[in-house]
């Protein structure tokens, strides 16, 4: 006899908000990296390096796309019994993907720290 799988509260919370946490981590990481690079003690004072910013952005976009793809599979067979959590997971994945793309735009135009 199989017991039903019980989901815990924090597991559900994480499932619905993980894309937003990826967005927050990307935002924080990129701006901390630029601030560190532009400080006098930074490893490249005078101008921020774009390659780490590009890598961080691509990793964050890929993570949100994967989370969105997983949520889309859940919604693919959706009917009136599809849970709100499934819709929230898909919606936050789309929101976070657009947010990461939008908040990374200023990083492409940073050419100097001054």
C-alpha atoms as a PDB file:
ATOM      1  CA  UNK A   1       0.000   0.000   0.000  1.00  0.00           C
ATOM      2  CA  UNK A   2       1.461   3.318  -1.073  1.00  0.00           C
ATOM      3  CA  UNK A   3       1.128   6.225   1.263  1.00  0.00           C
ATOM      4  CA  UNK A   4       0.223   9.561  -0.326  1.00  0.00           C
ATOM      5  CA  UNK A   5       3.115  11.939  -0.706  1.00  0.00           C
ATOM      6  CA  UNK A   6       2.720  14.836   1.664  1.00  0.00           C
ATOM      7  CA  UNK A   7       4.157  18.145   0.679  1.00  0.00           C
ATOM      8  CA  UNK A   8       5.389  20.428   3.365  1.00  0.00           C
ATOM      9  CA  UNK A   9       4.651  24.136   3.622  1.00  0.00           C
ATOM     10  CA  UNK A  10       8.197  25.342   2.937  1.00  0.00           C
ATOM     11  CA  UNK A  11       8.507  23.012  -0.039  1.00  0.00           C
ATOM     12  CA  UNK A  12       5.390  24.537  -1.546  1.00  0.00           C
ATOM     13  CA  UNK A  13       6.571  28.032  -0.695  1.00  0.00           C
ATOM     14  CA  UNK A  14       9.935  27.391  -2.329  1.00  0.00           C
ATOM     15  CA  UNK A  15       8.296  25.922  -5.420  1.00  0.00           C
ATOM     16  CA  UNK A  16       6.194  29.031  -5.918  1.00  0.00           C
ATOM     17  CA  UNK A  17       8.901  31.585  -5.183  1.00  0.00           C
ATOM     18  CA  UNK A  18      12.140  29.965  -6.389  1.00  0.00           C
ATOM     19  CA  UNK A  19      12.223  31.933  -9.670  1.00  0.00           C
ATOM     20  CA  UNK A  20      11.895  35.174  -7.712  1.00  0.00           C
ATOM     21  CA  UNK A  21      14.780  34.096  -5.488  1.00  0.00           C
ATOM     22  CA  UNK A  22      16.866  33.447  -8.613  1.00  0.00           C
ATOM     23  CA  UNK A  23      16.018  36.965  -9.812  1.00  0.00           C
ATOM     24  CA  UNK A  24      16.993  38.459  -6.451  1.00  0.00           C
ATOM     25  CA  UNK A  25      20.254  36.525  -6.387  1.00  0.00           C
ATOM     26  CA  UNK A  26      21.083  37.666  -9.929  1.00  0.00           C
ATOM     27  CA  UNK A  27      20.264  41.282  -9.149  1.00  0.00           C
ATOM     28  CA  UNK A  28      22.293  41.286  -5.950  1.00  0.00           C
ATOM     29  CA  UNK A  29      25.198  39.356  -7.413  1.00  0.00           C
ATOM     30  CA  UNK A  30      25.574  41.566 -10.476  1.00  0.00           C
ATOM     31  CA  UNK A  31      25.437  44.830  -8.617  1.00  0.00           C
ATOM     32  CA  UNK A  32      27.746  43.629  -5.834  1.00  0.00           C
ATOM     33  CA  UNK A  33      30.218  42.430  -8.470  1.00  0.00           C
ATOM     34  CA  UNK A  34      30.167  45.787 -10.266  1.00  0.00           C
ATOM     35  CA  UNK A  35      30.548  47.648  -6.969  1.00  0.00           C
ATOM     36  CA  UNK A  36      33.470  45.445  -5.986  1.00  0.00           C
ATOM     37  CA  UNK A  37      35.161  45.854  -9.354  1.00  0.00           C
ATOM     38  CA  UNK A  38      34.756  49.621  -9.213  1.00  0.00           C
ATOM     39  CA  UNK A  39      36.175  49.976  -5.720  1.00  0.00           C
ATOM     40  CA  UNK A  40      39.803  51.113  -5.440  1.00  0.00           C
ATOM     41  CA  UNK A  41      40.738  47.710  -3.973  1.00  0.00           C
ATOM     42  CA  UNK A  42      38.812  45.803  -6.644  1.00  0.00           C
ATOM     43  CA  UNK A  43      40.443  43.284  -8.921  1.00  0.00           C
ATOM     44  CA  UNK A  44      39.851  45.464 -11.995  1.00  0.00           C
ATOM     45  CA  UNK A  45      39.608  49.065 -10.827  1.00  0.00           C
ATOM     46  CA  UNK A  46      38.452  51.528 -13.436  1.00  0.00           C
ATOM     47  CA  UNK A  47      36.043  49.378 -15.417  1.00  0.00           C
ATOM     48  CA  UNK A  48      33.837  46.377 -14.667  1.00  0.00           C
ATOM     49  CA  UNK A  49      34.411  43.117 -16.517  1.00  0.00           C
ATOM     50  CA  UNK A  50      31.449  42.082 -18.650  1.00  0.00           C
ATOM     51  CA  UNK A  51      32.150  38.360 -18.917  1.00  0.00           C
ATOM     52  CA  UNK A  52      31.183  37.508 -15.313  1.00  0.00           C
ATOM     53  CA  UNK A  53      28.015  39.595 -15.722  1.00  0.00           C
ATOM     54  CA  UNK A  54      27.115  37.780 -18.928  1.00  0.00           C
ATOM     55  CA  UNK A  55      27.710  34.395 -17.310  1.00  0.00           C
ATOM     56  CA  UNK A  56      25.636  35.290 -14.246  1.00  0.00           C
ATOM     57  CA  UNK A  57      22.802  36.545 -16.443  1.00  0.00           C
ATOM     58  CA  UNK A  58      22.807  33.486 -18.687  1.00  0.00           C
ATOM     59  CA  UNK A  59      22.831  31.118 -15.709  1.00  0.00           C
ATOM     60  CA  UNK A  60      19.926  32.983 -14.083  1.00  0.00           C
ATOM     61  CA  UNK A  61      17.929  33.051 -17.326  1.00  0.00           C
ATOM     62  CA  UNK A  62      18.561  29.341 -17.854  1.00  0.00           C
ATOM     63  CA  UNK A  63      17.433  28.557 -14.297  1.00  0.00           C
ATOM     64  CA  UNK A  64      14.199  30.516 -14.741  1.00  0.00           C
ATOM     65  CA  UNK A  65      13.589  28.944 -18.144  1.00  0.00           C
ATOM     66  CA  UNK A  66      14.034  25.469 -16.634  1.00  0.00           C
ATOM     67  CA  UNK A  67      11.671  26.280 -13.768  1.00  0.00           C
ATOM     68  CA  UNK A  68       9.157  27.685 -16.250  1.00  0.00           C
ATOM     69  CA  UNK A  69       9.457  24.606 -18.447  1.00  0.00           C
ATOM     70  CA  UNK A  70       8.822  22.344 -15.463  1.00  0.00           C
ATOM     71  CA  UNK A  71       5.773  24.405 -14.487  1.00  0.00           C
ATOM     72  CA  UNK A  72       4.502  24.374 -18.081  1.00  0.00           C
ATOM     73  CA  UNK A  73       4.581  20.589 -18.104  1.00  0.00           C
ATOM     74  CA  UNK A  74       2.424  20.609 -14.983  1.00  0.00           C
ATOM     75  CA  UNK A  75      -0.030  23.035 -16.567  1.00  0.00           C
ATOM     76  CA  UNK A  76      -0.055  21.169 -19.890  1.00  0.00           C
ATOM     77  CA  UNK A  77      -2.577  18.657 -18.639  1.00  0.00           C
ATOM     78  CA  UNK A  78      -4.346  21.257 -16.547  1.00  0.00           C
ATOM     79  CA  UNK A  79      -8.032  21.228 -15.907  1.00  0.00           C
ATOM     80  CA  UNK A  80     -10.276  22.794 -13.301  1.00  0.00           C
ATOM     81  CA  UNK A  81      -8.345  20.865 -10.637  1.00  0.00           C
ATOM     82  CA  UNK A  82      -5.005  22.517 -11.425  1.00  0.00           C
ATOM     83  CA  UNK A  83      -3.747  24.010  -8.209  1.00  0.00           C
ATOM     84  CA  UNK A  84      -3.057  27.663  -7.644  1.00  0.00           C
ATOM     85  CA  UNK A  85       0.508  26.703  -6.751  1.00  0.00           C
ATOM     86  CA  UNK A  86       1.044  25.373 -10.290  1.00  0.00           C
ATOM     87  CA  UNK A  87      -0.133  28.655 -11.789  1.00  0.00           C
ATOM     88  CA  UNK A  88       1.970  30.645  -9.317  1.00  0.00           C
ATOM     89  CA  UNK A  89       5.095  28.630 -10.167  1.00  0.00           C
ATOM     90  CA  UNK A  90       4.576  29.248 -13.891  1.00  0.00           C
ATOM     91  CA  UNK A  91       3.746  32.926 -13.417  1.00  0.00           C
ATOM     92  CA  UNK A  92       6.718  33.658 -11.202  1.00  0.00           C
ATOM     93  CA  UNK A  93       9.016  31.884 -13.668  1.00  0.00           C
ATOM     94  CA  UNK A  94       7.838  34.168 -16.470  1.00  0.00           C
ATOM     95  CA  UNK A  95       7.985  37.239 -14.235  1.00  0.00           C
ATOM     96  CA  UNK A  96      11.494  36.415 -13.040  1.00  0.00           C
ATOM     97  CA  UNK A  97      12.737  35.721 -16.591  1.00  0.00           C
ATOM     98  CA  UNK A  98      11.488  39.117 -17.783  1.00  0.00           C
ATOM     99  CA  UNK A  99      12.806  40.775 -14.610  1.00  0.00           C
ATOM    100  CA  UNK A 100      16.282  39.325 -15.059  1.00  0.00           C
ATOM    101  CA  UNK A 101      16.385  40.435 -18.679  1.00  0.00           C
ATOM    102  CA  UNK A 102      15.155  43.915 -17.757  1.00  0.00           C
ATOM    103  CA  UNK A 103      17.411  44.498 -14.749  1.00  0.00           C
ATOM    104  CA  UNK A 104      20.476  43.339 -16.672  1.00  0.00           C
ATOM    105  CA  UNK A 105      20.051  46.029 -19.352  1.00  0.00           C
ATOM    106  CA  UNK A 106      21.992  48.737 -17.428  1.00  0.00           C
ATOM    107  CA  UNK A 107      24.871  46.311 -16.961  1.00  0.00           C
ATOM    108  CA  UNK A 108      25.481  46.199 -20.716  1.00  0.00           C
ATOM    109  CA  UNK A 109      25.998  49.962 -20.874  1.00  0.00           C
ATOM    110  CA  UNK A 110      28.453  50.243 -17.993  1.00  0.00           C
ATOM    111  CA  UNK A 111      31.803  50.987 -19.561  1.00  0.00           C
ATOM    112  CA  UNK A 112      33.558  52.755 -16.727  1.00  0.00           C
ATOM    113  CA  UNK A 113      33.224  53.259 -13.026  1.00  0.00           C
ATOM    114  CA  UNK A 114      33.604  56.989 -12.996  1.00  0.00           C
END
